[in-house]
Amino acid sequence: NASWVDIHTGSFHRYINLCLSVNLLSWRQWIAAQGPLDNTICDFWRCVWETDVSSIIMLCKVVECMQDKCAQYWPTELFMAEEYDSIDVLMEEEEFLDYAIKRVFLLCHNSGKSRKGSTTETHQINSRF
């Protein structure tokens, strides 16, 4: 199935249901997926790492109308890394805009490899639909 992405977790494989898209003009990849739950945060970051995603667009809030919509999958403090299984995520920047919150993350694999670039998350906070 084209919507399932195989991620490697040690000696076995796991699959995440998402839409992977490549922009042929800029060679950038992005994924469309539901926000991760507490038990899938590590899989989410592993997928971002393995597919070399440069942008994450979050369209929901963590909590909406007093209901959990997804887990908070990013570190809460600037320059404080959180470990998600084999991926360390460091929030390098957080900018509050009128319509969104822009966060920039640096990802490092616990094998010592680090990403060549950053992953930027834009968190939509004011719906304009």
N, C-alpha and C. Protein backbone atom coordinates (compact mmCIF):
# COMPACT_ATOMS: atom_id res chain seq x y z
N ASN A 1 0.84 -1.17 0.00
CA ASN A 1 0.00 0.00 0.00
C ASN A 1 0.89 1.24 0.00
N ALA A 2 0.65 2.17 -0.90
CA ALA A 2 1.49 3.36 -1.04
C ALA A 2 1.40 4.30 0.15
N SER A 3 0.39 4.18 0.99
CA SER A 3 0.26 5.09 2.12
C SER A 3 0.93 4.56 3.39
N TRP A 4 1.56 3.40 3.32
CA TRP A 4 2.25 2.85 4.49
C TRP A 4 3.74 3.04 4.33
N VAL A 5 4.37 3.65 5.33
CA VAL A 5 5.81 3.87 5.32
C VAL A 5 6.46 2.92 6.31
N ASP A 6 7.48 2.20 5.83
CA ASP A 6 8.20 1.22 6.63
C ASP A 6 9.28 1.96 7.42
N ILE A 7 9.24 1.85 8.75
CA ILE A 7 10.31 2.43 9.57
C ILE A 7 11.01 1.30 10.30
N HIS A 8 12.29 1.45 10.50
CA HIS A 8 13.10 0.40 11.09
C HIS A 8 13.25 0.62 12.59
N THR A 9 12.93 -0.38 13.37
CA THR A 9 13.04 -0.30 14.82
C THR A 9 13.86 -1.48 15.30
N GLY A 10 15.16 -1.34 15.20
CA GLY A 10 16.04 -2.43 15.62
C GLY A 10 15.96 -3.59 14.64
N SER A 11 15.58 -4.75 15.13
CA SER A 11 15.58 -5.95 14.30
C SER A 11 14.25 -6.20 13.62
N PHE A 12 13.26 -5.33 13.82
CA PHE A 12 11.97 -5.54 13.16
C PHE A 12 11.49 -4.24 12.53
N HIS A 13 10.45 -4.35 11.73
CA HIS A 13 9.92 -3.21 11.01
C HIS A 13 8.54 -2.85 11.55
N ARG A 14 8.22 -1.56 11.52
CA ARG A 14 6.88 -1.07 11.85
C ARG A 14 6.43 -0.22 10.68
N TYR A 15 5.14 -0.05 10.57
CA TYR A 15 4.60 0.70 9.47
C TYR A 15 3.70 1.82 10.00
N ILE A 16 3.81 2.99 9.37
CA ILE A 16 2.97 4.13 9.72
C ILE A 16 2.13 4.48 8.51
N ASN A 17 0.85 4.70 8.73
CA ASN A 17 -0.06 5.07 7.66
C ASN A 17 0.00 6.58 7.48
N LEU A 18 0.52 7.03 6.34
CA LEU A 18 0.62 8.46 6.07
C LEU A 18 0.74 8.67 4.57
N CYS A 19 0.72 9.92 4.18
CA CYS A 19 0.89 10.29 2.79
C CYS A 19 2.24 10.97 2.66
N LEU A 20 3.13 10.40 1.87
CA LEU A 20 4.46 10.96 1.64
C LEU A 20 4.44 11.65 0.29
N SER A 21 4.89 12.90 0.25
CA SER A 21 4.86 13.67 -0.99
C SER A 21 6.22 14.31 -1.22
N VAL A 22 6.62 14.36 -2.47
CA VAL A 22 7.89 14.98 -2.84
C VAL A 22 7.59 16.12 -3.80
N ASN A 23 8.12 17.30 -3.50
CA ASN A 23 8.01 18.45 -4.39
C ASN A 23 9.15 18.35 -5.39
N LEU A 24 8.85 18.08 -6.64
CA LEU A 24 9.89 17.85 -7.64
C LEU A 24 10.70 19.10 -7.96
N LEU A 25 10.17 20.28 -7.65
CA LEU A 25 10.90 21.51 -7.94
C LEU A 25 11.99 21.80 -6.91
N SER A 26 11.77 21.41 -5.67
CA SER A 26 12.75 21.75 -4.63
C SER A 26 13.34 20.53 -3.94
N TRP A 27 12.88 19.32 -4.28
CA TRP A 27 13.36 18.08 -3.69
C TRP A 27 13.10 18.00 -2.20
N ARG A 28 12.12 18.72 -1.72
CA ARG A 28 11.76 18.66 -0.31
C ARG A 28 10.62 17.67 -0.14
N GLN A 29 10.66 16.98 0.97
CA GLN A 29 9.62 16.02 1.28
C GLN A 29 8.77 16.53 2.44
N TRP A 30 7.52 16.14 2.42
CA TRP A 30 6.64 16.41 3.55
C TRP A 30 5.71 15.22 3.68
N ILE A 31 5.17 15.07 4.88
CA ILE A 31 4.23 13.98 5.12
C ILE A 31 2.92 14.56 5.61
N ALA A 32 1.85 13.87 5.32
CA ALA A 32 0.54 14.21 5.87
C ALA A 32 0.14 13.03 6.74
N ALA A 33 -0.05 13.28 8.01
CA ALA A 33 -0.40 12.21 8.93
C ALA A 33 -1.19 12.80 10.08
N GLN A 34 -1.87 11.95 10.80
CA GLN A 34 -2.51 12.40 12.03
C GLN A 34 -1.43 12.69 13.05
N GLY A 35 -1.73 13.60 13.98
CA GLY A 35 -0.80 13.86 15.07
C GLY A 35 -0.58 12.58 15.86
N PRO A 36 0.64 12.35 16.33
CA PRO A 36 0.91 11.10 17.05
C PRO A 36 0.23 11.05 18.41
N LEU A 37 -0.04 9.85 18.85
CA LEU A 37 -0.53 9.61 20.21
C LEU A 37 0.67 9.32 21.10
N ASP A 38 0.45 9.24 22.40
CA ASP A 38 1.55 8.98 23.32
C ASP A 38 2.36 7.75 22.92
N ASN A 39 1.67 6.71 22.46
CA ASN A 39 2.36 5.46 22.15
C ASN A 39 2.95 5.43 20.74
N THR A 40 2.81 6.51 19.96
CA THR A 40 3.39 6.53 18.61
C THR A 40 4.35 7.71 18.38
N ILE A 41 4.68 8.46 19.42
CA ILE A 41 5.59 9.60 19.26
C ILE A 41 6.95 9.16 18.73
N CYS A 42 7.49 8.10 19.28
CA CYS A 42 8.81 7.61 18.82
C CYS A 42 8.76 7.19 17.36
N ASP A 43 7.68 6.52 16.95
CA ASP A 43 7.51 6.13 15.55
C ASP A 43 7.41 7.36 14.66
N PHE A 44 6.70 8.39 15.12
CA PHE A 44 6.56 9.63 14.36
C PHE A 44 7.92 10.25 14.09
N TRP A 45 8.76 10.42 15.13
CA TRP A 45 10.07 11.04 14.93
C TRP A 45 11.00 10.15 14.11
N ARG A 46 10.88 8.84 14.27
CA ARG A 46 11.69 7.93 13.45
C ARG A 46 11.32 8.08 11.98
N CYS A 47 10.03 8.24 11.71
CA CYS A 47 9.56 8.45 10.34
C CYS A 47 10.09 9.77 9.78
N VAL A 48 10.03 10.83 10.58
CA VAL A 48 10.57 12.13 10.16
C VAL A 48 12.06 11.99 9.84
N TRP A 49 12.80 11.26 10.68
CA TRP A 49 14.23 11.04 10.47
C TRP A 49 14.49 10.24 9.20
N GLU A 50 13.82 9.09 9.08
CA GLU A 50 14.12 8.17 7.98
C GLU A 50 13.68 8.71 6.62
N THR A 51 12.65 9.53 6.57
CA THR A 51 12.19 10.08 5.30
C THR A 51 12.76 11.48 5.04
N ASP A 52 13.58 11.99 5.97
CA ASP A 52 14.27 13.28 5.82
C ASP A 52 13.30 14.42 5.57
N VAL A 53 12.24 14.45 6.36
CA VAL A 53 11.21 15.49 6.24
C VAL A 53 11.76 16.82 6.75
N SER A 54 11.50 17.88 5.99
CA SER A 54 11.99 19.20 6.41
C SER A 54 10.90 20.08 7.01
N SER A 55 9.62 19.72 6.81
CA SER A 55 8.52 20.53 7.33
C SER A 55 7.42 19.67 7.93
N ILE A 56 6.93 20.11 9.06
CA ILE A 56 5.77 19.49 9.71
C ILE A 56 4.74 20.60 9.86
N ILE A 57 3.53 20.36 9.40
CA ILE A 57 2.44 21.32 9.58
C ILE A 57 1.42 20.67 10.50
N MET A 58 1.21 21.24 11.66
CA MET A 58 0.25 20.69 12.62
C MET A 58 -1.02 21.52 12.53
N LEU A 59 -2.13 20.88 12.17
CA LEU A 59 -3.38 21.61 11.95
C LEU A 59 -4.32 21.57 13.14
N CYS A 60 -3.98 20.83 14.17
CA CYS A 60 -4.85 20.79 15.34
C CYS A 60 -4.06 21.23 16.57
N LYS A 61 -4.78 21.55 17.59
CA LYS A 61 -4.15 21.82 18.89
C LYS A 61 -4.03 20.49 19.62
N VAL A 62 -3.15 20.43 20.59
CA VAL A 62 -3.01 19.21 21.38
C VAL A 62 -4.34 18.89 22.07
N VAL A 63 -5.00 19.93 22.57
CA VAL A 63 -6.33 19.77 23.19
C VAL A 63 -7.28 20.77 22.53
N GLU A 64 -8.41 20.27 22.06
CA GLU A 64 -9.46 21.12 21.49
C GLU A 64 -10.78 20.76 22.12
N CYS A 65 -11.54 21.75 22.54
CA CYS A 65 -12.85 21.53 23.17
C CYS A 65 -12.76 20.50 24.30
N MET A 66 -11.71 20.64 25.10
CA MET A 66 -11.45 19.79 26.27
C MET A 66 -11.25 18.31 25.90
N GLN A 67 -10.86 18.03 24.65
CA GLN A 67 -10.55 16.67 24.22
C GLN A 67 -9.14 16.62 23.69
N ASP A 68 -8.39 15.56 24.08
CA ASP A 68 -7.06 15.36 23.54
C ASP A 68 -7.16 15.04 22.06
N LYS A 69 -6.40 15.76 21.24
CA LYS A 69 -6.39 15.51 19.79
C LYS A 69 -5.13 14.77 19.37
N CYS A 70 -4.01 15.06 20.02
CA CYS A 70 -2.77 14.34 19.76
C CYS A 70 -1.85 14.59 20.95
N ALA A 71 -0.78 13.84 20.99
CA ALA A 71 0.19 14.02 22.07
C ALA A 71 1.11 15.20 21.76
N GLN A 72 1.68 15.80 22.78
CA GLN A 72 2.70 16.82 22.54
C GLN A 72 3.97 16.07 22.19
N TYR A 73 4.35 16.13 20.95
CA TYR A 73 5.46 15.32 20.44
C TYR A 73 6.77 16.10 20.33
N TRP A 74 6.83 17.30 20.83
CA TRP A 74 8.03 18.12 20.75
C TRP A 74 8.47 18.51 22.16
N PRO A 75 9.76 18.88 22.31
CA PRO A 75 10.24 19.35 23.61
C PRO A 75 9.54 20.64 24.02
N THR A 76 9.38 20.85 25.32
CA THR A 76 8.68 22.03 25.80
C THR A 76 9.60 23.22 26.05
N GLU A 77 10.89 22.99 26.13
CA GLU A 77 11.84 24.06 26.45
C GLU A 77 12.83 24.26 25.32
N LEU A 78 13.16 25.53 25.05
CA LEU A 78 14.20 25.84 24.07
C LEU A 78 15.54 25.25 24.52
N PHE A 79 16.26 24.72 23.58
CA PHE A 79 17.62 24.19 23.77
C PHE A 79 17.70 23.05 24.77
N MET A 80 16.57 22.42 25.05
CA MET A 80 16.54 21.23 25.91
C MET A 80 16.08 20.06 25.04
N ALA A 81 16.94 19.09 24.85
CA ALA A 81 16.62 17.95 23.99
C ALA A 81 15.73 16.96 24.73
N GLU A 82 14.83 16.36 23.98
CA GLU A 82 14.02 15.24 24.47
C GLU A 82 14.43 14.02 23.65
N GLU A 83 14.51 12.88 24.31
CA GLU A 83 14.86 11.65 23.62
C GLU A 83 13.59 10.86 23.32
N TYR A 84 13.41 10.54 22.05
CA TYR A 84 12.28 9.74 21.60
C TYR A 84 12.85 8.47 20.98
N ASP A 85 13.08 7.46 21.83
CA ASP A 85 13.71 6.21 21.43
C ASP A 85 15.10 6.52 20.89
N SER A 86 15.34 6.36 19.60
CA SER A 86 16.69 6.55 19.05
C SER A 86 16.91 7.95 18.50
N ILE A 87 15.93 8.83 18.59
CA ILE A 87 16.03 10.17 18.03
C ILE A 87 15.99 11.21 19.15
N ASP A 88 17.00 12.08 19.18
CA ASP A 88 17.00 13.22 20.09
C ASP A 88 16.48 14.43 19.33
N VAL A 89 15.53 15.14 19.92
CA VAL A 89 14.92 16.31 19.29
C VAL A 89 15.21 17.52 20.17
N LEU A 90 15.84 18.53 19.57
CA LEU A 90 16.18 19.76 20.27
C LEU A 90 15.41 20.90 19.61
N MET A 91 14.64 21.65 20.41
CA MET A 91 13.94 22.82 19.86
C MET A 91 14.92 23.99 19.87
N GLU A 92 15.28 24.45 18.66
CA GLU A 92 16.24 25.54 18.51
C GLU A 92 15.59 26.91 18.49
N GLU A 93 14.32 26.95 18.10
CA GLU A 93 13.66 28.24 17.92
C GLU A 93 12.16 28.05 18.11
N GLU A 94 11.53 29.05 18.71
CA GLU A 94 10.07 29.07 18.84
C GLU A 94 9.62 30.51 18.63
N GLU A 95 8.80 30.72 17.60
CA GLU A 95 8.35 32.06 17.25
C GLU A 95 6.82 32.08 17.23
N PHE A 96 6.22 33.00 17.98
CA PHE A 96 4.78 33.13 18.06
C PHE A 96 4.32 34.17 17.04
N LEU A 97 3.54 33.71 16.06
CA LEU A 97 3.00 34.57 15.02
C LEU A 97 1.52 34.79 15.28
N ASP A 98 0.87 35.65 14.51
CA ASP A 98 -0.56 35.90 14.68
C ASP A 98 -1.40 34.65 14.45
N TYR A 99 -1.00 33.83 13.53
CA TYR A 99 -1.81 32.69 13.10
C TYR A 99 -1.20 31.34 13.43
N ALA A 100 0.02 31.31 13.90
CA ALA A 100 0.71 30.03 14.09
C ALA A 100 1.87 30.17 15.06
N ILE A 101 2.40 29.05 15.45
CA ILE A 101 3.65 28.99 16.21
C ILE A 101 4.64 28.25 15.33
N LYS A 102 5.78 28.86 15.09
CA LYS A 102 6.81 28.23 14.27
C LYS A 102 7.90 27.71 15.20
N ARG A 103 8.20 26.44 15.08
CA ARG A 103 9.27 25.83 15.87
C ARG A 103 10.29 25.21 14.93
N VAL A 104 11.56 25.33 15.27
CA VAL A 104 12.63 24.72 14.49
C VAL A 104 13.32 23.70 15.38
N PHE A 105 13.46 22.49 14.86
CA PHE A 105 14.05 21.39 15.61
C PHE A 105 15.34 20.91 14.96
N LEU A 106 16.28 20.49 15.77
CA LEU A 106 17.46 19.79 15.31
C LEU A 106 17.31 18.35 15.75
N LEU A 107 17.44 17.42 14.83
CA LEU A 107 17.30 16.00 15.13
C LEU A 107 18.67 15.33 15.10
N CYS A 108 18.92 14.48 16.09
CA CYS A 108 20.15 13.70 16.14
C CYS A 108 19.77 12.25 16.44
N HIS A 109 20.43 11.34 15.77
CA HIS A 109 20.23 9.91 16.03
C HIS A 109 21.19 9.51 17.13
N ASN A 110 20.80 8.60 18.01
CA ASN A 110 21.68 8.24 19.12
C ASN A 110 22.91 7.45 18.68
N SER A 111 23.01 7.15 17.38
CA SER A 111 24.22 6.54 16.84
C SER A 111 25.31 7.59 16.62
N GLY A 112 24.96 8.86 16.86
CA GLY A 112 25.93 9.95 16.69
C GLY A 112 25.71 10.75 15.41
N LYS A 113 24.83 10.27 14.53
CA LYS A 113 24.54 11.00 13.29
C LYS A 113 23.62 12.17 13.60
N SER A 114 23.83 13.29 12.91
CA SER A 114 22.89 14.40 13.04
C SER A 114 22.42 14.79 11.66
N ARG A 115 21.28 15.42 11.58
CA ARG A 115 20.70 15.84 10.31
C ARG A 115 21.52 16.96 9.72
N LYS A 116 21.56 17.03 8.41
CA LYS A 116 22.25 18.12 7.72
C LYS A 116 21.52 19.44 7.90
N GLY A 117 20.21 19.39 8.04
CA GLY A 117 19.42 20.61 8.20
C GLY A 117 18.44 20.47 9.34
N SER A 118 17.62 21.45 9.50
CA SER A 118 16.63 21.45 10.58
C SER A 118 15.28 21.02 10.03
N THR A 119 14.41 20.62 10.94
CA THR A 119 13.02 20.34 10.62
C THR A 119 12.19 21.46 11.23
N THR A 120 11.35 22.09 10.43
CA THR A 120 10.52 23.19 10.90
C THR A 120 9.09 22.72 11.06
N GLU A 121 8.49 23.01 12.21
CA GLU A 121 7.10 22.70 12.45
C GLU A 121 6.34 24.02 12.51
N THR A 122 5.23 24.09 11.79
CA THR A 122 4.33 25.23 11.88
C THR A 122 3.04 24.71 12.50
N HIS A 123 2.69 25.26 13.64
CA HIS A 123 1.52 24.81 14.40
C HIS A 123 0.42 25.84 14.21
N GLN A 124 -0.60 25.47 13.45
CA GLN A 124 -1.74 26.35 13.16
C GLN A 124 -2.51 26.59 14.46
N ILE A 125 -2.67 27.85 14.86
CA ILE A 125 -3.40 28.12 16.10
C ILE A 125 -4.71 28.86 15.88
N ASN A 126 -4.85 29.59 14.80
CA ASN A 126 -6.10 30.28 14.48
C ASN A 126 -6.61 29.74 13.16
N SER A 127 -7.67 28.98 13.23
CA SER A 127 -8.23 28.38 12.02
C SER A 127 -8.83 29.45 11.12
N ARG A 128 -8.54 29.35 9.84
CA ARG A 128 -9.10 30.29 8.87
C ARG A 128 -9.91 29.53 7.82
N PHE A 129 -10.48 28.40 8.22
CA PHE A 129 -11.24 27.58 7.27
C PHE A 129 -12.67 28.03 7.23
